[in-house]
Amino acid sequence: MFTRIVKMEFKEEEIPAFLANFETIKDKIRTFPGCEFLELYRDKHNETIFFTYSRWKKEEDLEAYRHSDLFKGVWAETKPKFKAKAAAWSVDTLYSLN
């Protein structure tokens, strides 16, 4: 399992539309085969910056999502709202303390 972190910075006027769209698609992303966790975060000091954290069973699962019609629709709706280019990382958990 690994975590995918995506940082997105939006044009301020596009944030309500982004959040409304996320509300409609979040369950579809979360229930995509291989996705085990999904959260959306907002920066505490810059309200135009958001992060998604998703956990995937295998890299192949994330790649299947990234090539799916679901992702293509999500990205087509989201990308034009960006103020800056998105950044993404795939990371392995080394320690997790609860």
Protein backbone atom coordinates (compact mmCIF):
# COMPACT_ATOMS: atom_id res chain seq x y z
CA MET A 1 0.00 0.00 0.00
CA PHE A 2 1.14 3.55 -0.67
CA THR A 3 -0.17 7.11 -0.39
CA ARG A 4 -0.70 9.56 -3.22
CA ILE A 5 -0.48 13.24 -2.28
CA VAL A 6 -1.66 15.86 -4.74
CA LYS A 7 -1.23 19.59 -4.11
CA MET A 8 -3.58 21.89 -6.01
CA GLU A 9 -3.77 25.68 -5.96
CA PHE A 10 -7.00 27.18 -7.28
CA LYS A 11 -8.13 30.52 -8.56
CA GLU A 12 -10.08 31.93 -5.64
CA GLU A 13 -13.29 32.34 -7.62
CA GLU A 14 -13.14 28.67 -8.71
CA ILE A 15 -13.02 27.16 -5.20
CA PRO A 16 -16.82 26.85 -4.68
CA ALA A 17 -17.16 25.01 -8.01
CA PHE A 18 -14.24 22.73 -7.17
CA LEU A 19 -15.71 21.87 -3.76
CA ALA A 20 -19.15 21.24 -5.25
CA ASN A 21 -17.67 18.92 -7.86
CA PHE A 22 -15.54 17.11 -5.27
CA GLU A 23 -18.68 16.49 -3.25
CA THR A 24 -20.26 14.71 -6.22
CA ILE A 25 -17.23 12.58 -7.15
CA LYS A 26 -15.52 11.77 -3.85
CA ASP A 27 -17.38 8.50 -3.30
CA LYS A 28 -16.68 7.37 -6.88
CA ILE A 29 -12.96 7.97 -6.38
CA ARG A 30 -12.97 6.32 -2.94
CA THR A 31 -14.73 3.20 -4.24
CA PHE A 32 -12.55 2.88 -7.34
CA PRO A 33 -10.88 -0.57 -7.23
CA GLY A 34 -7.69 -0.36 -5.17
CA CYS A 35 -8.44 2.96 -3.43
CA GLU A 36 -8.66 2.37 0.31
CA PHE A 37 -8.70 5.93 1.68
CA LEU A 38 -9.41 9.46 0.47
CA GLU A 39 -9.23 12.80 2.24
CA LEU A 40 -9.25 16.41 1.10
CA TYR A 41 -7.28 19.01 3.07
CA ARG A 42 -7.10 22.79 2.88
CA ASP A 43 -4.05 24.81 3.85
CA LYS A 44 -4.56 26.72 7.09
CA HIS A 45 -2.80 29.85 5.87
CA ASN A 46 -3.58 29.93 2.15
CA GLU A 47 -7.20 29.09 1.42
CA THR A 48 -6.52 28.53 -2.28
CA ILE A 49 -4.27 25.50 -1.63
CA PHE A 50 -5.78 22.03 -1.26
CA PHE A 51 -4.30 18.55 -0.93
CA THR A 52 -5.79 15.16 -1.62
CA TYR A 53 -4.41 12.16 0.24
CA SER A 54 -5.41 8.79 -1.13
CA ARG A 55 -4.14 5.33 -0.25
CA TRP A 56 -3.85 2.66 -2.90
CA LYS A 57 -3.24 -1.08 -2.68
CA LYS A 58 -0.86 -1.18 -5.65
CA GLU A 59 0.66 1.21 -8.15
CA GLU A 60 -1.28 -0.60 -10.86
CA ASP A 61 -4.53 0.41 -9.14
CA LEU A 62 -3.57 4.09 -9.21
CA GLU A 63 -2.50 3.79 -12.83
CA ALA A 64 -5.82 2.15 -13.72
CA TYR A 65 -7.60 5.08 -12.06
CA ARG A 66 -5.41 7.63 -13.85
CA HIS A 67 -6.36 6.03 -17.21
CA SER A 68 -10.07 5.67 -16.37
CA ASP A 69 -12.97 7.69 -17.72
CA LEU A 70 -13.66 8.76 -14.12
CA PHE A 71 -10.23 10.39 -13.76
CA LYS A 72 -10.38 11.94 -17.22
CA GLY A 73 -13.68 13.59 -16.30
CA VAL A 74 -12.43 14.71 -12.88
CA TRP A 75 -9.24 16.17 -14.36
CA ALA A 76 -11.07 17.90 -17.23
CA GLU A 77 -13.34 19.60 -14.68
CA THR A 78 -10.60 20.43 -12.15
CA LYS A 79 -7.53 21.44 -14.15
CA PRO A 80 -8.96 24.67 -15.67
CA LYS A 81 -9.64 25.93 -12.14
CA PHE A 82 -5.95 25.86 -11.14
CA LYS A 83 -4.00 28.99 -10.34
CA ALA A 84 -0.73 27.03 -10.52
CA LYS A 85 0.35 23.66 -11.85
CA ALA A 86 -0.57 20.75 -9.58
CA ALA A 87 2.17 18.69 -7.92
CA ALA A 88 1.88 15.02 -6.97
CA TRP A 89 3.91 12.52 -4.97
CA SER A 90 3.58 8.80 -4.37
CA VAL A 91 5.02 7.90 -0.97
CA ASP A 92 5.52 4.80 1.14
CA THR A 93 4.69 4.90 4.84
CA LEU A 94 7.77 4.21 6.93
CA TYR A 95 6.13 4.72 10.34
CA SER A 96 2.60 5.27 11.49
CA LEU A 97 1.92 5.99 15.15
CA ASN A 98 -1.67 6.08 16.37
